[in-house]
Amino acid sequence: MDIESYARETRPLIDLKLAEMARRLHFSRHMLFQLTGGKRLRAVLCLLTCEALGGRREDALEYAAAIEMIHAGTLTHDDYVDRHKVRRGKLPLYAVIGPRKAVLLADLLMSAAIKLTKSEDGSKDALSEAVYNVARGAVMEPLGFKDIASSLIYGSIQEELYESIVKLKAGELFATACKLGAIAAKAPSELRERAYVYGLLCGMAFQVADDLVDLSKLLQNGAAEADLMTSIFPMVAFFSGREAAIELFRKLVLARGPGGVFMLIPGYGAALRAAVIRRERKFLKRVARSAFRYVCEKCRLAREAISVFPESRYRRVLEEFPEYAVRKMLREACKPS
């Protein structure tokens, strides 16, 4: 058994559990719409952690479904905040039913997930903490050019901000998925903590790989949409320093105005972006190489974190998971530019 076969085997079980929960909680068709599709990585990780710690996958299925519900809710919020045009090959929910209703349905979805967990085994606290931390990471993230400009120039984007956001926005749900799996297996507290650290490292590697995809798209077509570029500046600050990120931002979207003050370039557009990105190609490729090394290191540390788990075929599959998740994300980024 390898991670690919384990994921193929368990995804239908997760989908069935989600459908069962939907019936039990009387979900609307729009909430069901949000739960369809996706890689189910967090849910698969929850089940796999449970089995690696000697538990039964059926005992973790409800928790696996709950973490997918939380993930679906956060995606709904992200789509509206970032004005995404597509989600899993379809229109995002806010474009189908309007922003107000979409955000409220996402809140309902996440509340329902927490409702399904238990106070007595610690799973309710774990999931509540995850929602809190994901929201905290989202609030920390600069949004749009004006926010990016003031954050860079006036110092609120420091080198460490990127890693903090990566931990909270992506790492936290992976970490909680593993912790819930360990709870379902009734593992001792030391192994629950190891499972959490393992998941956090997996999620961090996965998120940086996701940002590498954005950077790769930017390198492939310099005329990318503006929101694609805003996502890379904290990443550049982390891997090359804040001053390098400020300089790149100034070249891309700022010009020196009266009194030496930097301001948005009038008529800023695709042609200018493409020209600057072509000139900065070598620099951005260095950032990408540093980011890839970071991803590889987090995968290594994740495997190390579970070295104390009992030896079993499930632990061996768990050791494969970090690279598996990253490969799925990087497949697009690895196309030749």
Protein backbone atom coordinates (compact mmCIF):
# COMPACT_ATOMS: atom_id res chain seq x y z
CA MET A 1 0.00 0.00 0.00
CA ASP A 2 1.21 3.51 -0.82
CA ILE A 3 -0.25 6.96 -0.25
CA GLU A 4 -1.91 7.09 -3.69
CA SER A 5 -3.79 3.82 -3.08
CA TYR A 6 -4.68 4.82 0.48
CA ALA A 7 -6.14 8.13 -0.74
CA ARG A 8 -8.12 6.39 -3.50
CA GLU A 9 -9.47 3.91 -0.97
CA THR A 10 -10.51 6.44 1.67
CA ARG A 11 -11.83 9.39 -0.37
CA PRO A 12 -15.16 7.64 -1.19
CA LEU A 13 -15.63 6.90 2.53
CA ILE A 14 -15.07 10.57 3.34
CA ASP A 15 -17.56 11.64 0.66
CA LEU A 16 -20.16 9.22 2.03
CA LYS A 17 -19.66 10.55 5.56
CA LEU A 18 -20.04 14.13 4.33
CA ALA A 19 -23.27 13.19 2.55
CA GLU A 20 -24.53 11.52 5.72
CA MET A 21 -23.73 14.62 7.77
CA ALA A 22 -25.44 16.82 5.21
CA ARG A 23 -28.65 14.81 5.58
CA ARG A 24 -28.38 14.83 9.35
CA LEU A 25 -27.85 18.60 9.51
CA HIS A 26 -30.30 19.46 6.72
CA PHE A 27 -27.69 21.26 4.64
CA SER A 28 -28.90 23.43 1.78
CA ARG A 29 -27.90 22.53 -1.76
CA HIS A 30 -25.51 25.48 -1.71
CA MET A 31 -23.66 24.08 1.28
CA LEU A 32 -23.46 20.74 -0.51
CA PHE A 33 -22.10 22.59 -3.54
CA GLN A 34 -19.19 23.78 -1.37
CA LEU A 35 -18.42 20.27 -0.17
CA THR A 36 -18.09 18.65 -3.59
CA GLY A 37 -14.72 18.12 -5.27
CA GLY A 38 -11.30 18.84 -3.83
CA LYS A 39 -8.36 16.64 -2.98
CA ARG A 40 -9.58 15.72 0.55
CA LEU A 41 -5.95 15.86 1.73
CA ARG A 42 -6.79 16.95 5.29
CA ALA A 43 -9.45 14.29 5.74
CA VAL A 44 -7.20 11.56 4.33
CA LEU A 45 -4.47 12.71 6.71
CA CYS A 46 -6.87 12.49 9.67
CA LEU A 47 -7.77 8.87 8.86
CA LEU A 48 -4.18 7.89 8.13
CA THR A 49 -2.91 9.36 11.41
CA CYS A 50 -5.59 7.47 13.33
CA GLU A 51 -4.59 4.16 11.73
CA ALA A 52 -0.87 4.87 12.14
CA LEU A 53 -1.52 5.21 15.88
CA GLY A 54 -3.41 1.95 16.12
CA GLY A 55 -6.95 3.28 15.76
CA ARG A 56 -9.76 2.30 13.40
CA ARG A 57 -10.49 4.55 10.46
CA GLU A 58 -14.25 4.40 11.11
CA ASP A 59 -13.64 6.06 14.48
CA ALA A 60 -12.00 9.03 12.74
CA LEU A 61 -14.40 9.41 9.80
CA GLU A 62 -16.63 11.98 11.46
CA TYR A 63 -13.62 14.07 12.45
CA ALA A 64 -12.21 13.76 8.93
CA ALA A 65 -15.49 15.05 7.51
CA ALA A 66 -15.57 17.87 10.07
CA ILE A 67 -12.12 19.11 9.02
CA GLU A 68 -13.27 19.13 5.37
CA MET A 69 -16.30 21.20 6.36
CA ILE A 70 -14.04 23.74 8.07
CA HIS A 71 -11.79 23.80 5.01
CA ALA A 72 -14.77 24.35 2.70
CA GLY A 73 -15.95 27.25 4.86
CA THR A 74 -12.55 28.94 4.81
CA LEU A 75 -12.38 28.59 1.02
CA THR A 76 -15.76 30.31 0.71
CA HIS A 77 -14.46 33.25 2.74
CA ASP A 78 -11.19 33.35 0.77
CA ASP A 79 -12.99 33.32 -2.57
CA TYR A 80 -15.03 36.37 -1.63
CA VAL A 81 -12.20 38.31 0.02
CA ASP A 82 -9.79 37.65 -2.88
CA ARG A 83 -12.52 37.83 -5.57
CA HIS A 84 -11.53 34.49 -7.09
CA LYS A 85 -13.19 33.73 -10.42
CA VAL A 86 -13.05 29.93 -10.25
CA ARG A 87 -13.15 27.33 -7.48
CA ARG A 88 -12.64 23.66 -8.35
CA GLY A 89 -13.58 24.30 -11.97
CA LYS A 90 -16.82 26.11 -11.07
CA LEU A 91 -17.97 29.58 -10.15
CA PRO A 92 -17.24 30.34 -6.49
CA LEU A 93 -20.26 30.38 -4.21
CA TYR A 94 -20.33 34.16 -3.72
CA ALA A 95 -20.70 34.56 -7.50
CA VAL A 96 -23.63 32.10 -7.52
CA ILE A 97 -25.73 33.28 -4.55
CA GLY A 98 -24.19 36.64 -3.64
CA PRO A 99 -21.48 37.54 -1.11
CA ARG A 100 -23.70 38.04 1.94
CA LYS A 101 -25.40 34.66 1.75
CA ALA A 102 -22.19 32.85 0.78
CA VAL A 103 -20.31 34.18 3.83
CA LEU A 104 -23.22 33.31 6.15
CA LEU A 105 -23.42 29.79 4.73
CA ALA A 106 -19.67 29.37 5.26
CA ASP A 107 -20.12 30.41 8.90
CA LEU A 108 -22.93 27.89 9.25
CA LEU A 109 -20.79 25.16 7.69
CA MET A 110 -17.93 25.75 10.13
CA SER A 111 -20.29 25.97 13.11
CA ALA A 112 -21.86 22.67 12.09
CA ALA A 113 -18.43 21.03 11.97
CA ILE A 114 -17.62 22.13 15.52
CA LYS A 115 -21.06 20.95 16.65
CA LEU A 116 -20.18 17.43 15.48
CA THR A 117 -17.08 17.13 17.68
CA LYS A 118 -16.98 16.22 21.38
CA SER A 119 -16.02 18.17 24.48
CA GLU A 120 -14.99 15.13 26.48
CA ASP A 121 -12.16 13.94 24.19
CA GLY A 122 -10.75 17.38 23.37
CA SER A 123 -11.80 17.36 19.71
CA LYS A 124 -14.18 20.33 20.08
CA ASP A 125 -11.44 22.48 21.59
CA ALA A 126 -9.00 21.38 18.86
CA LEU A 127 -11.38 22.34 16.05
CA SER A 128 -12.43 25.63 17.69
CA GLU A 129 -8.76 26.57 18.11
CA ALA A 130 -8.12 25.72 14.46
CA VAL A 131 -10.90 28.05 13.25
CA TYR A 132 -9.58 30.82 15.49
CA ASN A 133 -6.02 30.42 14.20
CA VAL A 134 -7.01 30.24 10.53
CA ALA A 135 -9.03 33.45 10.94
CA ARG A 136 -6.08 35.08 12.72
CA GLY A 137 -3.79 34.16 9.81
CA ALA A 138 -6.25 35.59 7.29
CA VAL A 139 -6.48 38.88 9.21
CA MET A 140 -2.67 39.17 9.28
CA GLU A 141 -2.38 38.80 5.50
CA PRO A 142 -2.07 42.07 3.53
CA LEU A 143 -4.82 42.46 0.92
CA GLY A 144 -4.58 44.53 -2.25
CA PHE A 145 -1.94 46.96 -3.48
CA LYS A 146 -2.62 49.77 -1.01
CA ASP A 147 -2.39 47.40 1.94
CA ILE A 148 0.75 45.79 0.52
CA ALA A 149 2.36 49.19 -0.15
CA SER A 150 1.79 50.56 3.35
CA SER A 151 2.74 47.23 4.95
CA LEU A 152 6.02 47.02 3.07
CA ILE A 153 7.08 50.63 3.25
CA TYR A 154 6.00 51.30 6.83
CA GLY A 155 7.32 48.03 8.19
CA SER A 156 4.40 45.77 9.12
CA ILE A 157 5.58 43.21 6.57
CA GLN A 158 8.66 41.85 8.29
CA GLU A 159 10.50 38.74 7.14
CA GLU A 160 8.80 36.52 9.73
CA LEU A 161 5.24 37.54 8.77
CA TYR A 162 5.13 35.14 5.83
CA GLU A 163 5.97 32.09 7.92
CA SER A 164 3.42 33.11 10.56
CA ILE A 165 0.68 33.34 7.92
CA VAL A 166 1.73 30.00 6.40
CA LYS A 167 1.50 28.32 9.81
CA LEU A 168 -1.90 29.76 10.65
CA LYS A 169 -3.67 29.71 7.29
CA ALA A 170 -2.57 26.30 5.99
CA GLY A 171 -0.51 24.56 8.61
CA GLU A 172 -3.19 24.80 11.27
CA LEU A 173 -5.83 22.73 9.43
CA PHE A 174 -3.34 20.00 8.51
CA ALA A 175 -2.09 19.97 12.11
CA THR A 176 -5.63 19.76 13.51
CA ALA A 177 -6.52 16.97 11.07
CA CYS A 178 -3.63 14.93 12.48
CA LYS A 179 -4.50 15.79 16.06
CA LEU A 180 -8.11 14.70 15.51
CA GLY A 181 -6.84 11.43 14.04
CA ALA A 182 -4.69 10.91 17.13
CA ILE A 183 -7.68 11.72 19.38
CA ALA A 184 -9.81 9.18 17.50
CA ALA A 185 -7.05 6.58 18.06
CA LYS A 186 -7.03 7.45 21.80
CA ALA A 187 -3.30 8.08 21.54
CA PRO A 188 -1.41 9.45 24.57
CA SER A 189 -0.80 13.20 24.78
CA GLU A 190 2.85 12.94 23.63
CA LEU A 191 1.83 11.25 20.39
CA ARG A 192 -1.05 13.69 19.88
CA GLU A 193 1.47 16.53 20.10
CA ARG A 194 3.82 14.76 17.66
CA ALA A 195 0.90 14.26 15.26
CA TYR A 196 0.05 17.98 15.51
CA VAL A 197 3.65 19.03 14.77
CA TYR A 198 3.82 16.59 11.84
CA GLY A 199 0.62 18.03 10.35
CA LEU A 200 1.78 21.61 10.88
CA LEU A 201 4.98 20.92 8.94
CA CYS A 202 3.03 19.18 6.15
CA GLY A 203 0.66 22.14 5.88
CA MET A 204 3.50 24.65 5.80
CA ALA A 205 5.21 22.73 3.00
CA PHE A 206 1.90 22.54 1.12
CA GLN A 207 1.18 26.28 1.43
CA VAL A 208 4.64 27.33 0.28
CA ALA A 209 4.24 24.94 -2.66
CA ASP A 210 0.92 26.68 -3.41
CA ASP A 211 2.68 30.06 -3.41
CA LEU A 212 5.36 28.59 -5.67
CA VAL A 213 2.61 27.83 -8.17
CA ASP A 214 1.61 31.51 -8.12
CA LEU A 215 5.23 32.55 -8.58
CA SER A 216 5.63 30.09 -11.44
CA LYS A 217 2.54 31.49 -13.16
CA LEU A 218 3.95 34.98 -12.76
CA LEU A 219 7.22 33.91 -14.37
CA GLN A 220 5.41 32.14 -17.20
CA ASN A 221 3.09 35.03 -18.07
CA GLY A 222 4.20 38.37 -16.73
CA ALA A 223 0.81 39.84 -17.57
CA ALA A 224 -0.80 37.93 -14.71
CA GLU A 225 -3.67 39.44 -12.77
CA ALA A 226 -2.78 41.89 -10.03
CA ASP A 227 -4.06 39.67 -7.20
CA LEU A 228 -1.58 36.98 -8.26
CA MET A 229 1.27 39.38 -7.63
CA THR A 230 0.11 40.63 -4.26
CA SER A 231 0.37 37.08 -2.93
CA ILE A 232 4.12 36.87 -3.59
CA PHE A 233 5.45 39.96 -1.79
CA PRO A 234 5.42 38.51 1.76
CA MET A 235 7.06 35.41 0.26
CA VAL A 236 9.81 37.52 -1.34
CA ALA A 237 10.32 39.36 1.99
CA PHE A 238 10.78 36.04 3.80
CA PHE A 239 13.17 34.42 1.33
CA SER A 240 15.13 37.49 0.16
CA GLY A 241 14.57 40.15 2.82
CA ARG A 242 12.13 43.01 3.28
CA GLU A 243 14.25 45.51 1.35
CA ALA A 244 14.27 43.23 -1.71
CA ALA A 245 10.48 42.92 -1.50
CA ILE A 246 10.09 46.72 -1.24
CA GLU A 247 12.37 47.22 -4.24
CA LEU A 248 10.42 44.70 -6.33
CA PHE A 249 7.14 46.32 -5.33
CA ARG A 250 8.40 49.77 -6.27
CA LYS A 251 9.51 48.54 -9.68
CA LEU A 252 6.17 46.84 -10.31
CA VAL A 253 3.58 49.28 -9.09
CA LEU A 254 5.09 52.43 -7.67
CA ALA A 255 6.68 55.58 -9.05
CA ARG A 256 8.40 58.43 -7.21
CA GLY A 257 6.06 61.41 -7.13
CA PRO A 258 6.31 65.01 -5.84
CA GLY A 259 8.61 65.36 -2.84
CA GLY A 260 10.10 61.88 -3.42
CA VAL A 261 6.98 60.11 -2.13
CA PHE A 262 6.18 56.74 -3.73
CA MET A 263 2.72 56.42 -5.24
CA LEU A 264 0.79 54.11 -7.55
CA ILE A 265 1.88 54.43 -11.17
CA PRO A 266 -0.86 56.07 -13.26
CA GLY A 267 -2.08 53.72 -15.97
CA TYR A 268 -0.40 50.74 -14.32
CA GLY A 269 -1.11 47.75 -16.57
CA ALA A 270 -0.18 44.40 -17.98
CA ALA A 271 2.55 45.60 -20.36
CA LEU A 272 4.47 47.29 -17.56
CA ARG A 273 4.12 44.27 -15.30
CA ALA A 274 5.41 41.95 -18.01
CA ALA A 275 8.45 44.15 -18.71
CA VAL A 276 9.43 44.39 -15.05
CA ILE A 277 8.96 40.68 -14.44
CA ARG A 278 11.16 39.85 -17.44
CA ARG A 279 13.90 42.05 -15.98
CA GLU A 280 13.49 40.49 -12.53
CA ARG A 281 13.28 36.91 -13.78
CA LYS A 282 16.64 35.77 -12.36
CA PHE A 283 15.84 37.27 -8.97
CA LEU A 284 12.39 35.63 -8.84
CA LYS A 285 13.87 32.28 -9.84
CA ARG A 286 16.29 32.56 -6.90
CA VAL A 287 13.31 33.18 -4.62
CA ALA A 288 11.62 30.10 -6.09
CA ARG A 289 14.71 27.93 -5.47
CA SER A 290 14.90 29.11 -1.85
CA ALA A 291 11.21 28.37 -1.40
CA PHE A 292 11.61 24.88 -2.85
CA ARG A 293 14.48 24.13 -0.46
CA TYR A 294 12.26 25.30 2.38
CA VAL A 295 9.49 22.92 1.25
CA CYS A 296 11.93 19.99 1.13
CA GLU A 297 13.20 20.77 4.62
CA LYS A 298 9.67 20.93 6.08
CA CYS A 299 8.90 17.55 4.49
CA ARG A 300 12.04 16.08 6.08
CA LEU A 301 11.16 17.51 9.50
CA ALA A 302 7.61 16.17 9.19
CA ARG A 303 8.91 12.63 8.64
CA GLU A 304 11.24 13.07 11.61
CA ALA A 305 8.34 14.19 13.84
CA ILE A 306 6.58 10.82 13.48
CA SER A 307 9.69 8.66 13.97
CA VAL A 308 8.35 7.77 17.43
CA PHE A 309 5.08 6.38 16.02
CA PRO A 310 4.76 2.58 16.18
CA GLU A 311 6.30 0.86 13.15
CA SER A 312 3.51 -0.16 10.76
CA ARG A 313 2.50 0.03 7.12
CA TYR A 314 0.35 3.06 8.00
CA ARG A 315 3.31 4.92 9.44
CA ARG A 316 5.24 4.21 6.24
CA VAL A 317 2.37 5.65 4.22
CA LEU A 318 2.25 8.66 6.56
CA GLU A 319 5.94 9.21 5.82
CA GLU A 320 5.05 9.47 2.12
CA PHE A 321 2.31 12.04 2.65
CA PRO A 322 4.31 15.33 2.76
CA GLU A 323 5.91 14.80 -0.66
CA TYR A 324 2.62 13.44 -2.04
CA ALA A 325 0.74 16.62 -1.02
CA VAL A 326 3.49 18.86 -2.36
CA ARG A 327 3.68 16.96 -5.67
CA LYS A 328 -0.04 17.43 -6.20
CA MET A 329 0.34 21.16 -5.67
CA LEU A 330 3.57 21.59 -7.66
CA ARG A 331 2.47 19.63 -10.72
CA GLU A 332 1.33 22.86 -12.36
CA ALA A 333 4.39 24.83 -11.24
CA CYS A 334 6.79 22.25 -12.68
CA LYS A 335 5.62 22.79 -16.26
CA PRO A 336 8.47 24.23 -18.31
CA SER A 337 8.41 28.02 -18.53
